[in-house]
Each structure stands twice: as structure tokens, then as C-alpha cells.
Amino acid sequence: MSMMWFAVSYLLHRARWQGTATRKGDPEAGALSLEWLVIAASLVVAAGIAYGIFHAAIESEVSNLP
């Protein structure tokens, strides 16, 4: 779970940084800041769905162990 938390926190940090840079009018923010925010949010949602699916599958297999 720590690796997933690390990935999510990194994506949230990058999204926050991009949002702040965009609001301040920083030319280094780039034209794709909104797209990167959408991509980061999509990755977080996909990781959460994958975690749920794999967690449920592993739990069901563990219950079948003798």
C-alpha cells in the first residue's frame, strides 16, 4: 500500500504545482497544464479501481486456502 500511496501523493503534488503555476501566470507552466491534471486524475481513479479489483480477487482466493 505504501507504493500506491507514494504514487498518488506524487500525482497530487504535481497537480497542485501545475495548478499553482497556471494561476500565477507562470510561462513555465506550459499549455498542457489542464490536460496533465486530467491525466493525473484519470491515473488515480484507474489505480483505485485496480486496487479494488485485485484486493477483492486476492481476498476471495485467500478464503479458499485450507
C-alpha atoms as a PDB file:
ATOM      1  CA  MET A   1       0.000   0.000   0.000  1.00  0.00           C
ATOM      2  CA  SER A   2       2.919   2.354   0.580  1.00  0.00           C
ATOM      3  CA  MET A   3       3.916   2.277  -3.093  1.00  0.00           C
ATOM      4  CA  MET A   4       0.377   3.155  -4.132  1.00  0.00           C
ATOM      5  CA  TRP A   5       0.287   5.969  -1.570  1.00  0.00           C
ATOM      6  CA  PHE A   6       3.611   7.261  -2.898  1.00  0.00           C
ATOM      7  CA  ALA A   7       2.309   7.301  -6.478  1.00  0.00           C
ATOM      8  CA  VAL A   8      -0.936   9.031  -5.521  1.00  0.00           C
ATOM      9  CA  SER A   9       0.816  11.627  -3.387  1.00  0.00           C
ATOM     10  CA  TYR A  10       3.290  12.335  -6.201  1.00  0.00           C
ATOM     11  CA  LEU A  11       0.488  12.835  -8.713  1.00  0.00           C
ATOM     12  CA  LEU A  12      -1.407  15.095  -6.319  1.00  0.00           C
ATOM     13  CA  HIS A  13       1.732  17.134  -5.664  1.00  0.00           C
ATOM     14  CA  ARG A  14       2.355  17.560  -9.402  1.00  0.00           C
ATOM     15  CA  ALA A  15      -1.268  18.546  -9.996  1.00  0.00           C
ATOM     16  CA  ARG A  16      -1.123  21.096  -7.170  1.00  0.00           C
ATOM     17  CA  TRP A  17       2.143  22.510  -8.539  1.00  0.00           C
ATOM     18  CA  GLN A  18       0.728  22.769 -12.062  1.00  0.00           C
ATOM     19  CA  GLY A  19      -2.447  24.429 -10.774  1.00  0.00           C
ATOM     20  CA  THR A  20      -0.465  26.985  -8.770  1.00  0.00           C
ATOM     21  CA  ALA A  21       1.855  27.751 -11.681  1.00  0.00           C
ATOM     22  CA  THR A  22      -1.108  28.196 -14.016  1.00  0.00           C
ATOM     23  CA  ARG A  23      -2.948  30.545 -11.651  1.00  0.00           C
ATOM     24  CA  LYS A  24       0.160  32.697 -11.200  1.00  0.00           C
ATOM     25  CA  GLY A  25       0.571  33.022 -14.969  1.00  0.00           C
ATOM     26  CA  ASP A  26       3.960  31.309 -14.941  1.00  0.00           C
ATOM     27  CA  PRO A  27       5.116  30.867 -18.565  1.00  0.00           C
ATOM     28  CA  GLU A  28       6.982  27.722 -17.498  1.00  0.00           C
ATOM     29  CA  ALA A  29       3.666  26.063 -16.631  1.00  0.00           C
ATOM     30  CA  GLY A  30       3.084  25.158 -20.257  1.00  0.00           C
ATOM     31  CA  ALA A  31      -0.060  24.983 -22.312  1.00  0.00           C
ATOM     32  CA  LEU A  32      -0.941  21.444 -21.241  1.00  0.00           C
ATOM     33  CA  SER A  33      -1.499  22.058 -17.556  1.00  0.00           C
ATOM     34  CA  LEU A  34      -5.224  21.229 -17.677  1.00  0.00           C
ATOM     35  CA  GLU A  35      -4.526  18.117 -19.712  1.00  0.00           C
ATOM     36  CA  TRP A  36      -1.932  16.972 -17.185  1.00  0.00           C
ATOM     37  CA  LEU A  37      -4.425  17.492 -14.368  1.00  0.00           C
ATOM     38  CA  VAL A  38      -6.968  15.350 -16.208  1.00  0.00           C
ATOM     39  CA  ILE A  39      -4.367  12.661 -16.887  1.00  0.00           C
ATOM     40  CA  ALA A  40      -3.267  12.628 -13.238  1.00  0.00           C
ATOM     41  CA  ALA A  41      -6.866  12.358 -12.028  1.00  0.00           C
ATOM     42  CA  SER A  42      -7.525   9.544 -14.511  1.00  0.00           C
ATOM     43  CA  LEU A  43      -4.473   7.635 -13.297  1.00  0.00           C
ATOM     44  CA  VAL A  44      -5.535   7.988  -9.677  1.00  0.00           C
ATOM     45  CA  VAL A  45      -9.031   6.726 -10.469  1.00  0.00           C
ATOM     46  CA  ALA A  46      -7.638   3.823 -12.513  1.00  0.00           C
ATOM     47  CA  ALA A  47      -5.246   2.890  -9.694  1.00  0.00           C
ATOM     48  CA  GLY A  48      -8.113   2.928  -7.190  1.00  0.00           C
ATOM     49  CA  ILE A  49     -10.270   0.708  -9.395  1.00  0.00           C
ATOM     50  CA  ALA A  50      -7.385  -1.716  -9.998  1.00  0.00           C
ATOM     51  CA  TYR A  51      -6.690  -1.846  -6.265  1.00  0.00           C
ATOM     52  CA  GLY A  52     -10.315  -2.703  -5.555  1.00  0.00           C
ATOM     53  CA  ILE A  53     -10.442  -5.429  -8.192  1.00  0.00           C
ATOM     54  CA  PHE A  54      -7.157  -7.045  -7.166  1.00  0.00           C
ATOM     55  CA  HIS A  55      -7.909  -6.768  -3.468  1.00  0.00           C
ATOM     56  CA  ALA A  56     -11.278  -8.498  -3.921  1.00  0.00           C
ATOM     57  CA  ALA A  57      -9.736 -11.238  -6.073  1.00  0.00           C
ATOM     58  CA  ILE A  58      -6.942 -11.901  -3.581  1.00  0.00           C
ATOM     59  CA  GLU A  59      -9.336 -11.947  -0.632  1.00  0.00           C
ATOM     60  CA  SER A  60     -11.584 -14.463  -2.391  1.00  0.00           C
ATOM     61  CA  GLU A  61      -8.611 -16.717  -3.167  1.00  0.00           C
ATOM     62  CA  VAL A  62      -7.292 -16.452   0.400  1.00  0.00           C
ATOM     63  CA  SER A  63     -10.630 -17.645   1.743  1.00  0.00           C
ATOM     64  CA  ASN A  64     -10.289 -20.794  -0.411  1.00  0.00           C
ATOM     65  CA  LEU A  65      -6.951 -21.753   1.165  1.00  0.00           C
ATOM     66  CA  PRO A  66      -7.044 -24.683   3.594  1.00  0.00           C
END
